């Protein structure tokens, strides 16, 4: 029965997506069904298999000894590949054919400049492309989870199949595989670490994204050329990581052959995000965002800051993934924090200021950037994205704007386009042009 449910779910999702894409004519450059269900992706279904029932249950990274980090030595500089292992990709009970994957553990830089450990997953389509001719995408998922066992390296190996960021990545990743591109997804943190994950801390997730790409390039089994063209794609929580990676790449990882970055629906400044979305339908994510800072910054004492309701909610959020946060709408931060909204609380000031994008003239993207945030986003203010792009432009960056659609009127009149664009599927073609310009 469970195998039947898995197949029904996959079939229903595939059919809905296929019907949606074939009618997506309102967009200037619509995403067609053949771009997602491309010949390579079809072959992964044809030659894949249903996972054994023993592999359908959650398999937390926190109980897997492979994720236990080693002690770091002086020679373990950021980007050092500490360990790796081949793994089987599994999505909703299906193990696709023709996809090779490796879990990676590597060194990165924490927000305070210290060295720490991060993990991630590298996936490569087996399509006959010579390894030295591959292109590499650093894909930062829409993952806003605080708890362990929620990150890509666990999601894409069947350990956690319920996180919505996994589903949201399927379309773009299918497009990328159809083009022969490898996809590196950093967990930013070490997914086996049971401590709360600070997903909102770009000064940590940005370097972790860049170091994940370094580790992927260093993996002998992948066979990448040292100058492999690299693109970065980030959406929502992943957009924070990708935005900081784009800002920092020129100084932090100048050896990467970065051709461009796509950013969508990212929090540019947590203070304005809170003031926009506090108490609204996405209030669970507003609360989780603030908790992410407390995971790293010692001056934020949650025991003193939270109300009894806030402490109970924080305990739950710290041990779970973001799917739960969807069930926490319309709860104002004033009900959760003793001293009101964190954006107005000095205890959070340093954390929020250090992790706001577009505040450092000496750190601006050196490769082109496409910002596709939605003008009508009711969670993340578009004005922040616009100000960010203009700041980068004023300091010499090449920035394009192509806002996606997500307004209430658009949902009613063209829900297909809204769905496709909220996943960022319309942006993959942009990388085609960037890679062509890079000569590969």
Protein backbone atom coordinates (compact mmCIF):
# COMPACT_ATOMS: atom_id res chain seq x y z
CA UNK A 1 0.00 0.00 0.00
CA UNK A 2 2.77 2.46 0.82
CA UNK A 3 4.45 1.79 -2.54
CA UNK A 4 1.14 2.53 -4.24
CA UNK A 5 0.80 5.81 -2.34
CA UNK A 6 4.31 6.83 -3.37
CA UNK A 7 3.58 6.11 -7.01
CA UNK A 8 0.25 7.93 -6.89
CA UNK A 9 1.88 10.98 -5.32
CA UNK A 10 4.63 11.04 -7.93
CA UNK A 11 2.19 10.50 -10.76
CA UNK A 12 -0.15 13.20 -9.52
CA UNK A 13 2.64 15.72 -9.08
CA UNK A 14 4.12 14.87 -12.47
CA UNK A 15 0.77 15.10 -14.23
CA UNK A 16 -0.09 18.40 -12.58
CA UNK A 17 3.28 19.85 -13.48
CA UNK A 18 3.03 18.58 -17.04
CA UNK A 19 -0.44 20.07 -17.51
CA UNK A 20 0.70 23.33 -15.95
CA UNK A 21 3.75 23.72 -18.10
CA UNK A 22 1.96 22.97 -21.35
CA UNK A 23 -0.42 25.84 -20.65
CA UNK A 24 2.12 28.33 -19.32
CA UNK A 25 1.75 30.74 -22.23
CA UNK A 26 1.37 33.98 -20.31
CA UNK A 27 5.06 34.31 -19.48
CA UNK A 28 7.32 36.08 -21.98
CA UNK A 29 9.55 33.02 -22.12
CA UNK A 30 7.37 30.15 -20.91
CA UNK A 31 8.86 27.01 -19.45
CA UNK A 32 7.73 24.09 -21.58
CA UNK A 33 7.01 20.61 -20.37
CA UNK A 34 9.84 19.20 -22.50
CA UNK A 35 12.31 21.37 -20.64
CA UNK A 36 11.42 19.70 -17.34
CA UNK A 37 10.45 16.22 -18.50
CA UNK A 38 13.40 16.26 -20.86
CA UNK A 39 14.89 13.09 -22.38
CA UNK A 40 17.40 12.70 -19.58
CA UNK A 41 14.77 13.06 -16.84
CA UNK A 42 12.45 10.62 -18.63
CA UNK A 43 15.34 8.15 -18.69
CA UNK A 44 15.79 8.52 -14.93
CA UNK A 45 12.18 7.34 -14.44
CA UNK A 46 12.45 4.61 -17.06
CA UNK A 47 15.64 3.15 -15.62
CA UNK A 48 15.05 3.98 -11.96
CA UNK A 49 13.46 1.85 -9.28
CA UNK A 50 11.14 2.01 -6.30
CA UNK A 51 13.14 1.98 -3.07
CA UNK A 52 12.88 -0.99 -0.77
CA UNK A 53 10.25 -0.41 1.95
CA UNK A 54 13.00 -0.34 4.57
CA UNK A 55 14.22 2.89 2.97
CA UNK A 56 10.89 4.72 3.15
CA UNK A 57 11.15 5.65 6.81
CA UNK A 58 13.11 8.75 7.92
CA UNK A 59 16.86 8.20 8.35
CA UNK A 60 18.18 11.11 10.39
CA UNK A 61 21.68 12.37 9.78
CA UNK A 62 22.08 13.00 13.49
CA UNK A 63 22.26 9.23 14.11
CA UNK A 64 24.68 8.55 11.25
CA UNK A 65 28.34 8.38 12.42
CA UNK A 66 29.48 9.65 9.00
CA UNK A 67 28.31 13.14 10.03
CA UNK A 68 30.45 13.18 13.19
CA UNK A 69 32.97 15.94 12.41
CA UNK A 70 36.70 15.36 12.84
CA UNK A 71 38.89 17.75 14.78
CA UNK A 72 40.20 20.41 12.45
CA UNK A 73 43.90 21.01 12.03
CA UNK A 74 45.92 24.01 10.91
CA UNK A 75 46.01 22.73 7.33
CA UNK A 76 42.24 22.41 7.07
CA UNK A 77 41.59 25.68 5.28
CA UNK A 78 38.13 26.66 3.98
CA UNK A 79 37.09 24.46 1.08
CA UNK A 80 39.14 21.48 2.28
CA UNK A 81 37.30 18.24 1.46
CA UNK A 82 37.37 16.25 4.70
CA UNK A 83 35.44 13.17 3.66
CA UNK A 84 33.04 11.97 1.00
CA UNK A 85 31.00 8.91 0.15
CA UNK A 86 28.82 7.79 -2.76
CA UNK A 87 25.10 7.79 -1.99
CA UNK A 88 21.90 6.86 -3.78
CA UNK A 89 19.51 9.64 -4.70
CA UNK A 90 15.97 8.94 -3.51
CA UNK A 91 12.97 11.21 -3.98
CA UNK A 92 9.49 10.22 -2.76
CA UNK A 93 10.41 6.55 -2.73
CA UNK A 94 11.92 6.58 -6.23
CA UNK A 95 15.62 6.05 -6.87
CA UNK A 96 16.21 7.60 -10.30
CA UNK A 97 18.54 6.06 -12.82
CA UNK A 98 21.60 7.73 -14.30
CA UNK A 99 22.31 10.09 -11.39
CA UNK A 100 25.53 9.76 -9.42
CA UNK A 101 25.67 11.44 -6.03
CA UNK A 102 28.19 12.03 -3.27
CA UNK A 103 27.78 13.40 0.22
CA UNK A 104 30.60 15.76 1.11
CA UNK A 105 31.99 17.10 4.37
CA UNK A 106 34.24 20.12 4.15
CA UNK A 107 35.73 23.05 6.03
CA UNK A 108 34.11 26.46 5.93
CA UNK A 109 34.18 29.77 7.78
CA UNK A 110 31.71 30.64 10.51
CA UNK A 111 30.26 34.12 10.91
CA UNK A 112 32.93 35.01 13.48
CA UNK A 113 35.85 33.98 11.25
CA UNK A 114 36.49 30.63 12.92
CA UNK A 115 36.70 27.42 10.93
CA UNK A 116 33.89 24.89 11.16
CA UNK A 117 32.43 21.92 9.30
CA UNK A 118 29.63 21.85 6.74
CA UNK A 119 28.10 19.08 4.65
CA UNK A 120 26.25 18.83 1.36
CA UNK A 121 25.39 16.68 -1.63
CA UNK A 122 26.77 16.74 -5.16
CA UNK A 123 24.59 15.22 -7.89
CA UNK A 124 25.83 14.51 -11.42
CA UNK A 125 23.73 13.37 -14.37
CA UNK A 126 25.27 10.40 -16.18
CA UNK A 127 24.61 11.61 -19.71
CA UNK A 128 27.93 11.06 -21.42
CA UNK A 129 29.25 14.59 -20.85
CA UNK A 130 33.02 14.39 -20.26
CA UNK A 131 33.69 15.45 -16.65
CA UNK A 132 36.10 18.16 -17.73
CA UNK A 133 33.32 19.74 -19.83
CA UNK A 134 30.72 19.88 -17.07
CA UNK A 135 29.13 23.01 -15.70
CA UNK A 136 28.37 23.27 -12.00
CA UNK A 137 25.45 24.92 -10.23
CA UNK A 138 25.56 25.75 -6.54
CA UNK A 139 21.85 25.37 -5.79
CA UNK A 140 20.72 26.90 -2.49
CA UNK A 141 17.33 25.46 -1.62
CA UNK A 142 14.36 27.34 -0.20
CA UNK A 143 15.25 25.76 3.11
CA UNK A 144 14.44 27.74 6.27
CA UNK A 145 14.66 24.89 8.76
CA UNK A 146 16.16 25.27 12.21
CA UNK A 147 16.24 21.60 13.15
CA UNK A 148 18.71 18.88 12.21
CA UNK A 149 17.96 16.23 9.59
CA UNK A 150 16.26 18.77 7.33
CA UNK A 151 18.97 19.65 4.84
CA UNK A 152 19.58 18.64 1.21
CA UNK A 153 22.06 15.85 1.90
CA UNK A 154 19.36 14.16 3.99
CA UNK A 155 16.41 15.12 1.77
CA UNK A 156 17.87 13.88 -1.50
CA UNK A 157 18.96 10.52 -0.09
CA UNK A 158 15.51 9.59 1.21
CA UNK A 159 16.15 10.51 4.83
CA UNK A 160 13.64 13.38 4.86
CA UNK A 161 10.99 13.43 2.15
CA UNK A 162 8.51 15.83 3.76
CA UNK A 163 10.33 19.15 3.54
CA UNK A 164 8.66 21.44 0.97
CA UNK A 165 12.02 22.77 -0.21
CA UNK A 166 12.70 19.34 -1.74
CA UNK A 167 9.59 19.55 -3.90
CA UNK A 168 10.27 23.15 -4.85
CA UNK A 169 13.70 22.18 -6.21
CA UNK A 170 12.54 19.31 -8.43
CA UNK A 171 11.61 21.41 -11.48
CA UNK A 172 14.79 23.54 -11.66
CA UNK A 173 17.03 20.55 -10.90
CA UNK A 174 15.32 18.54 -13.66
CA UNK A 175 16.02 21.39 -16.08
CA UNK A 176 19.65 21.52 -14.99
CA UNK A 177 20.12 17.76 -15.31
CA UNK A 178 18.60 17.94 -18.78
CA UNK A 179 21.37 20.35 -19.73
CA UNK A 180 24.05 18.07 -18.31
CA UNK A 181 24.90 20.32 -15.38
CA UNK A 182 26.09 19.01 -12.02
CA UNK A 183 24.29 20.35 -8.95
CA UNK A 184 25.95 20.98 -5.60
CA UNK A 185 23.63 21.60 -2.66
CA UNK A 186 25.27 22.74 0.54
CA UNK A 187 23.61 22.05 3.87
CA UNK A 188 25.46 25.19 4.97
CA UNK A 189 25.69 23.66 8.45
CA UNK A 190 26.57 20.05 9.26
CA UNK A 191 23.21 18.33 8.97
CA UNK A 192 24.18 15.77 11.59
CA UNK A 193 24.62 18.49 14.22
CA UNK A 194 21.67 18.51 16.62
CA UNK A 195 22.22 22.16 17.58
CA UNK A 196 19.76 24.62 15.97
CA UNK A 197 20.75 25.71 12.49
CA UNK A 198 21.16 29.44 11.86
CA UNK A 199 19.77 29.43 8.32
CA UNK A 200 19.31 33.20 8.28
CA UNK A 201 22.97 34.01 8.96
CA UNK A 202 24.39 34.93 5.59
CA UNK A 203 27.86 35.60 6.97
CA UNK A 204 27.95 31.83 7.60
CA UNK A 205 25.81 30.37 4.80
CA UNK A 206 27.49 32.47 2.11
CA UNK A 207 30.99 31.09 2.76
CA UNK A 208 29.53 27.60 3.25
CA UNK A 209 27.98 27.81 -0.22
CA UNK A 210 31.28 28.86 -1.80
CA UNK A 211 33.25 26.25 0.13
CA UNK A 212 30.75 23.59 -0.93
CA UNK A 213 31.59 24.43 -4.54
CA UNK A 214 35.30 24.27 -3.74
CA UNK A 215 34.82 20.85 -2.13
CA UNK A 216 32.81 19.59 -5.11
CA UNK A 217 35.56 20.69 -7.51
CA UNK A 218 38.15 18.95 -5.30
CA UNK A 219 36.25 15.64 -5.32
CA UNK A 220 38.41 13.28 -7.41
CA UNK A 221 35.46 11.15 -8.53
CA UNK A 222 33.72 14.18 -10.07
CA UNK A 223 36.61 14.99 -12.40
CA UNK A 224 35.84 18.70 -12.69
CA UNK A 225 38.29 20.96 -14.45
CA UNK A 226 39.77 23.45 -11.95
CA UNK A 227 38.17 26.30 -13.90
CA UNK A 228 34.77 24.66 -14.33
CA UNK A 229 32.17 27.38 -15.01
CA UNK A 230 30.01 27.83 -11.91
CA UNK A 231 26.58 29.37 -11.40
CA UNK A 232 24.80 30.03 -8.09
CA UNK A 233 21.02 29.75 -7.73
CA UNK A 234 19.31 30.77 -4.50
CA UNK A 235 15.68 31.09 -3.50
CA UNK A 236 14.05 32.14 -0.19
CA UNK A 237 16.27 30.95 2.67
CA UNK A 238 18.71 29.73 0.04
CA UNK A 239 18.63 33.19 -1.51
CA UNK A 240 20.29 34.57 1.63
CA UNK A 241 23.14 32.08 1.24
CA UNK A 242 23.40 32.73 -2.50
CA UNK A 243 23.27 36.50 -2.07
CA UNK A 244 26.13 36.49 0.40
CA UNK A 245 28.04 34.02 -1.77
CA UNK A 246 27.68 36.41 -4.71
CA UNK A 247 28.83 39.35 -2.59
CA UNK A 248 31.80 37.54 -1.08
CA UNK A 249 33.01 35.44 -4.02
CA UNK A 250 35.45 38.04 -5.36
CA UNK A 251 37.35 38.29 -2.09
CA UNK A 252 36.61 34.97 -0.39
CA UNK A 253 36.85 32.54 -3.33
CA UNK A 254 38.35 34.45 -6.27
CA UNK A 255 39.59 31.25 -7.92
CA UNK A 256 36.04 30.08 -8.64
CA UNK A 257 35.01 30.67 -12.26
CA UNK A 258 31.67 32.17 -11.24
CA UNK A 259 29.61 33.17 -14.29
CA UNK A 260 26.53 34.50 -12.49
CA UNK A 261 24.00 34.27 -9.67
CA UNK A 262 20.19 34.12 -9.64
CA UNK A 263 18.43 35.42 -6.50
CA UNK A 264 14.75 35.15 -5.71
CA UNK A 265 12.59 35.95 -2.67
CA UNK A 266 15.58 36.33 -0.36
CA UNK A 267 15.52 38.24 2.91
CA UNK A 268 17.77 41.23 2.30
CA UNK A 269 17.38 42.79 5.75
CA UNK A 270 15.76 40.85 8.61
CA UNK A 271 14.57 44.06 10.25
CA UNK A 272 12.43 45.16 7.31
CA UNK A 273 11.33 41.57 6.73
CA UNK A 274 9.99 41.41 10.28
CA UNK A 275 8.21 44.74 10.04
CA UNK A 276 6.54 43.62 6.82
CA UNK A 277 5.53 40.07 7.67
CA UNK A 278 5.10 40.09 11.49
CA UNK A 279 1.73 38.63 12.44
CA UNK A 280 0.83 37.67 8.88
CA UNK A 281 0.25 34.37 7.17
CA UNK A 282 3.99 33.64 7.21
CA UNK A 283 4.56 34.53 10.84
CA UNK A 284 6.05 31.09 11.52
CA UNK A 285 8.93 31.89 9.18
CA UNK A 286 9.36 35.33 10.72
CA UNK A 287 9.77 33.71 14.12
CA UNK A 288 12.09 31.01 12.76
CA UNK A 289 14.23 33.67 11.09
CA UNK A 290 14.78 35.42 14.42
CA UNK A 291 15.55 32.14 16.17
CA UNK A 292 18.22 31.43 13.57
CA UNK A 293 20.25 34.39 14.80
CA UNK A 294 20.01 33.26 18.40
CA UNK A 295 21.60 29.97 17.33
CA UNK A 296 24.88 31.79 16.69
CA UNK A 297 25.00 35.14 18.48
CA UNK A 298 25.76 34.75 22.21
CA UNK A 299 24.26 38.10 23.23
CA UNK A 300 20.80 36.81 22.32
CA UNK A 301 19.58 35.02 25.45
CA UNK A 302 16.39 33.27 24.43
CA UNK A 303 15.60 32.24 28.00
CA UNK A 304 15.35 35.92 28.89
CA UNK A 305 13.81 37.11 25.64
CA UNK A 306 10.99 34.62 25.03
CA UNK A 307 7.56 34.50 26.61
CA UNK A 308 6.29 31.11 27.85
CA UNK A 309 4.51 30.67 24.51
CA UNK A 310 7.67 31.69 22.69
CA UNK A 311 9.80 29.18 24.60
CA UNK A 312 7.39 26.36 23.85
CA UNK A 313 7.29 27.31 20.16
CA UNK A 314 11.08 27.70 19.99
CA UNK A 315 11.64 24.24 21.49
CA UNK A 316 9.39 22.80 18.79
CA UNK A 317 10.93 24.80 15.96
CA UNK A 318 14.48 23.93 17.01
CA UNK A 319 13.83 20.23 16.61
CA UNK A 320 11.72 20.21 13.44
CA UNK A 321 11.80 21.22 9.78
CA UNK A 322 10.11 24.12 8.07
CA UNK A 323 6.95 22.28 7.03
CA UNK A 324 5.76 22.83 10.59
CA UNK A 325 6.29 26.59 10.38
CA UNK A 326 3.54 26.80 7.76
CA UNK A 327 1.09 25.86 10.51
CA UNK A 328 1.94 28.89 12.65
CA UNK A 329 0.19 31.79 10.88
CA UNK A 330 -0.95 35.14 12.29
CA UNK A 331 1.00 34.86 15.57
CA UNK A 332 2.61 38.26 16.31
CA UNK A 333 6.15 38.43 17.61
CA UNK A 334 4.84 40.43 20.58
CA UNK A 335 3.22 37.20 21.80
CA UNK A 336 6.51 35.34 21.55
CA UNK A 337 9.11 37.88 22.74
CA UNK A 338 9.01 39.66 26.10
CA UNK A 339 10.66 42.77 24.65
CA UNK A 340 8.66 42.97 21.45
CA UNK A 341 9.81 42.59 17.89
CA UNK A 342 13.52 41.59 17.62
CA UNK A 343 14.03 44.20 14.89
CA UNK A 344 13.43 46.83 17.59
CA UNK A 345 15.44 45.04 20.29
CA UNK A 346 19.11 45.97 20.89
CA UNK A 347 19.89 42.34 21.71
CA UNK A 348 19.40 41.46 18.04
CA UNK A 349 20.94 44.61 16.54
CA UNK A 350 24.44 43.30 15.80
CA UNK A 351 23.18 40.03 14.36
CA UNK A 352 20.72 41.71 12.02
CA UNK A 353 23.17 44.42 10.93
CA UNK A 354 26.01 41.99 10.16
CA UNK A 355 23.73 39.81 8.06
CA UNK A 356 22.03 42.42 5.92
CA UNK A 357 22.88 42.26 2.22
CA UNK A 358 24.07 45.32 0.34
CA UNK A 359 25.80 47.17 3.17
CA UNK A 360 29.49 46.67 2.32
CA UNK A 361 30.84 48.64 -0.66
CA UNK A 362 34.00 46.52 -0.68
CA UNK A 363 31.91 43.34 -1.10
CA UNK A 364 29.78 43.43 -4.22
CA UNK A 365 29.26 40.71 -6.85
CA UNK A 366 32.01 40.46 -9.44
CA UNK A 367 29.88 38.25 -11.73
CA UNK A 368 26.46 39.16 -13.18
CA UNK A 369 23.40 38.85 -10.94
CA UNK A 370 19.74 38.32 -11.87
CA UNK A 371 17.23 39.38 -9.19
CA UNK A 372 13.79 37.86 -9.76
CA UNK A 373 12.03 38.62 -6.48
CA UNK A 374 8.31 39.31 -6.79
CA UNK A 375 7.00 42.89 -6.55
CA UNK A 376 3.84 41.67 -4.80
CA UNK A 377 5.52 39.39 -2.27
CA UNK A 378 3.62 39.73 1.02
CA UNK A 379 6.50 38.29 3.05
CA UNK A 380 9.69 39.80 1.70
CA UNK A 381 9.48 43.47 0.65
CA UNK A 382 10.43 43.93 -3.01
CA UNK A 383 11.79 47.37 -2.20
CA UNK A 384 14.61 45.68 -0.31
CA UNK A 385 15.56 43.62 -3.37
CA UNK A 386 15.41 46.70 -5.57
CA UNK A 387 17.56 48.71 -3.17
CA UNK A 388 20.03 45.83 -2.99
CA UNK A 389 20.41 45.64 -6.76
CA UNK A 390 20.79 49.39 -7.05
CA UNK A 391 23.43 49.42 -4.29
CA UNK A 392 25.39 46.74 -6.09
CA UNK A 393 25.06 48.61 -9.39
CA UNK A 394 26.28 51.83 -7.80
CA UNK A 395 29.44 50.00 -6.76
CA UNK A 396 30.14 48.46 -10.15
CA UNK A 397 28.15 45.21 -10.22
CA UNK A 398 26.25 43.92 -13.27
CA UNK A 399 22.67 43.47 -12.03
CA UNK A 400 19.50 42.62 -13.96
CA UNK A 401 15.92 42.72 -12.63
CA UNK A 402 13.21 40.40 -13.93
CA UNK A 403 10.53 40.23 -11.20
CA UNK A 404 8.51 37.05 -10.99
CA UNK A 405 4.73 37.21 -10.59
CA UNK A 406 2.97 36.31 -7.36
CA UNK A 407 0.19 38.85 -6.82
CA UNK A 408 -3.34 37.88 -5.82
CA UNK A 409 -4.60 38.96 -9.23
CA UNK A 410 -1.97 36.81 -10.92
CA UNK A 411 -2.92 33.81 -8.79
CA UNK A 412 -6.53 34.17 -9.93
CA UNK A 413 -5.86 34.86 -13.61
CA UNK A 414 -2.70 32.86 -14.31
CA UNK A 415 -1.95 30.43 -11.45
CA UNK A 416 0.25 28.32 -13.69
CA UNK A 417 2.70 31.12 -14.36
CA UNK A 418 2.74 32.02 -10.67
CA UNK A 419 3.58 28.45 -9.70
CA UNK A 420 6.30 28.06 -12.29
CA UNK A 421 7.94 31.40 -11.50
CA UNK A 422 7.81 31.00 -7.72
CA UNK A 423 9.99 27.90 -8.19
CA UNK A 424 12.42 29.89 -10.32
CA UNK A 425 12.08 27.59 -13.32
CA UNK A 426 12.04 30.52 -15.73
CA UNK A 427 15.56 31.50 -14.66
CA UNK A 428 17.50 28.46 -15.82
CA UNK A 429 17.78 29.82 -19.37
CA UNK A 430 19.66 32.82 -17.96
CA UNK A 431 22.48 30.49 -16.97
CA UNK A 432 22.59 29.14 -20.53
CA UNK A 433 23.63 32.58 -21.72
CA UNK A 434 26.13 33.05 -18.92
CA UNK A 435 27.78 29.71 -19.64
CA UNK A 436 27.92 30.49 -23.36
CA UNK A 437 29.64 33.76 -22.60
CA UNK A 438 32.14 31.85 -20.46
CA UNK A 439 33.04 29.83 -23.56
CA UNK A 440 31.91 26.44 -22.31
